[in-house]
Amino acid sequence: MKSIDFQQIIASPVAAYQEGLRFFMGEGILNETLRRVAKDLENHQIDYSVIGAVALNQHGYRRFTEDIDCF
């Protein structure tokens, strides 16, 4: 797996904007991270809910974010 420095991406306005567009299309770093986390939680039969901007994005409310909120 390719290592990406997320802090470096969000430090650049152009790179942050491009990553935000990928996030809105479901293809960003946060999307991939959430898929991995969700798979691990499900494999260990741990209930979870995604909240915050990531959840809002799935319901059509576009917000930039740099984290994943799980409960």
C-alpha atoms as a PDB file:
ATOM      1  CA  MET A   1       0.000   0.000   0.000  1.00  0.00           C
ATOM      2  CA  LYS A   2       1.278   3.435  -0.949  1.00  0.00           C
ATOM      3  CA  SER A   3       2.057   5.695   2.035  1.00  0.00           C
ATOM      4  CA  ILE A   4       0.563   9.178   1.781  1.00  0.00           C
ATOM      5  CA  ASP A   5       1.247  12.054   4.169  1.00  0.00           C
ATOM      6  CA  PHE A   6      -2.207  13.505   4.729  1.00  0.00           C
ATOM      7  CA  GLN A   7      -0.822  16.489   6.656  1.00  0.00           C
ATOM      8  CA  GLN A   8       1.288  17.398   3.632  1.00  0.00           C
ATOM      9  CA  ILE A   9      -1.788  17.257   1.408  1.00  0.00           C
ATOM     10  CA  ILE A  10      -3.892  19.523   3.607  1.00  0.00           C
ATOM     11  CA  ALA A  11      -0.991  21.972   3.942  1.00  0.00           C
ATOM     12  CA  SER A  12      -1.261  22.754   0.226  1.00  0.00           C
ATOM     13  CA  PRO A  13      -4.453  24.606  -0.804  1.00  0.00           C
ATOM     14  CA  VAL A  14      -4.398  23.055  -4.289  1.00  0.00           C
ATOM     15  CA  ALA A  15      -3.730  19.513  -3.044  1.00  0.00           C
ATOM     16  CA  ALA A  16      -6.342  19.917  -0.278  1.00  0.00           C
ATOM     17  CA  TYR A  17      -8.948  21.055  -2.806  1.00  0.00           C
ATOM     18  CA  GLN A  18      -8.158  18.119  -5.107  1.00  0.00           C
ATOM     19  CA  GLU A  19      -8.372  15.683  -2.179  1.00  0.00           C
ATOM     20  CA  GLY A  20     -11.687  17.271  -1.190  1.00  0.00           C
ATOM     21  CA  LEU A  21     -13.066  16.615  -4.656  1.00  0.00           C
ATOM     22  CA  ARG A  22     -11.896  12.985  -4.434  1.00  0.00           C
ATOM     23  CA  PHE A  23     -13.589  12.740  -1.005  1.00  0.00           C
ATOM     24  CA  PHE A  24     -16.888  13.974  -2.473  1.00  0.00           C
ATOM     25  CA  MET A  25     -16.608  11.320  -5.218  1.00  0.00           C
ATOM     26  CA  GLY A  26     -15.951   8.584  -2.623  1.00  0.00           C
ATOM     27  CA  GLU A  27     -12.354   8.117  -3.776  1.00  0.00           C
ATOM     28  CA  GLY A  28     -10.342  10.109  -1.227  1.00  0.00           C
ATOM     29  CA  ILE A  29      -7.899   9.050   1.459  1.00  0.00           C
ATOM     30  CA  LEU A  30     -10.591   9.355   4.143  1.00  0.00           C
ATOM     31  CA  ASN A  31     -12.964   7.178   2.115  1.00  0.00           C
ATOM     32  CA  GLU A  32     -10.349   4.431   1.795  1.00  0.00           C
ATOM     33  CA  THR A  33      -9.457   4.708   5.481  1.00  0.00           C
ATOM     34  CA  LEU A  34     -13.117   4.433   6.476  1.00  0.00           C
ATOM     35  CA  ARG A  35     -13.521   1.328   4.314  1.00  0.00           C
ATOM     36  CA  ARG A  36     -10.556  -0.326   6.068  1.00  0.00           C
ATOM     37  CA  VAL A  37     -11.757   0.678   9.553  1.00  0.00           C
ATOM     38  CA  ALA A  38     -15.326  -0.462   8.844  1.00  0.00           C
ATOM     39  CA  LYS A  39     -14.088  -3.815   7.550  1.00  0.00           C
ATOM     40  CA  ASP A  40     -11.973  -4.362  10.678  1.00  0.00           C
ATOM     41  CA  LEU A  41     -14.838  -3.402  12.994  1.00  0.00           C
ATOM     42  CA  GLU A  42     -17.251  -5.668  11.144  1.00  0.00           C
ATOM     43  CA  ASN A  43     -14.759  -8.561  11.158  1.00  0.00           C
ATOM     44  CA  HIS A  44     -14.563  -8.211  14.946  1.00  0.00           C
ATOM     45  CA  GLN A  45     -18.357  -7.846  15.234  1.00  0.00           C
ATOM     46  CA  ILE A  46     -18.068  -4.362  16.749  1.00  0.00           C
ATOM     47  CA  ASP A  47     -21.073  -2.108  16.255  1.00  0.00           C
ATOM     48  CA  TYR A  48     -20.303   1.437  15.106  1.00  0.00           C
ATOM     49  CA  SER A  49     -21.878   4.537  13.614  1.00  0.00           C
ATOM     50  CA  VAL A  50     -20.222   7.096  11.384  1.00  0.00           C
ATOM     51  CA  ILE A  51     -21.132  10.661  12.321  1.00  0.00           C
ATOM     52  CA  GLY A  52     -19.952  14.146  11.406  1.00  0.00           C
ATOM     53  CA  ALA A  53     -18.978  15.410   7.965  1.00  0.00           C
ATOM     54  CA  VAL A  54     -18.401  11.924   6.516  1.00  0.00           C
ATOM     55  CA  ALA A  55     -21.968  10.914   7.403  1.00  0.00           C
ATOM     56  CA  LEU A  56     -23.334  14.201   6.085  1.00  0.00           C
ATOM     57  CA  ASN A  57     -21.481  13.638   2.817  1.00  0.00           C
ATOM     58  CA  GLN A  58     -23.269  10.315   2.365  1.00  0.00           C
ATOM     59  CA  HIS A  59     -26.597  12.137   2.684  1.00  0.00           C
ATOM     60  CA  GLY A  60     -25.728  14.754   0.084  1.00  0.00           C
ATOM     61  CA  TYR A  61     -24.535  17.548   2.393  1.00  0.00           C
ATOM     62  CA  ARG A  62     -21.071  18.412   1.113  1.00  0.00           C
ATOM     63  CA  ARG A  63     -18.564  19.437   3.793  1.00  0.00           C
ATOM     64  CA  PHE A  64     -14.804  19.248   3.728  1.00  0.00           C
ATOM     65  CA  THR A  65     -13.258  17.338   6.622  1.00  0.00           C
ATOM     66  CA  GLU A  66      -9.921  15.986   7.709  1.00  0.00           C
ATOM     67  CA  ASP A  67     -11.130  13.293  10.110  1.00  0.00           C
ATOM     68  CA  ILE A  68     -13.556  10.425  10.557  1.00  0.00           C
ATOM     69  CA  ASP A  69     -15.940  10.508  13.511  1.00  0.00           C
ATOM     70  CA  CYS A  70     -17.166   7.121  14.704  1.00  0.00           C
ATOM     71  CA  PHE A  71     -19.325   6.285  17.669  1.00  0.00           C
END
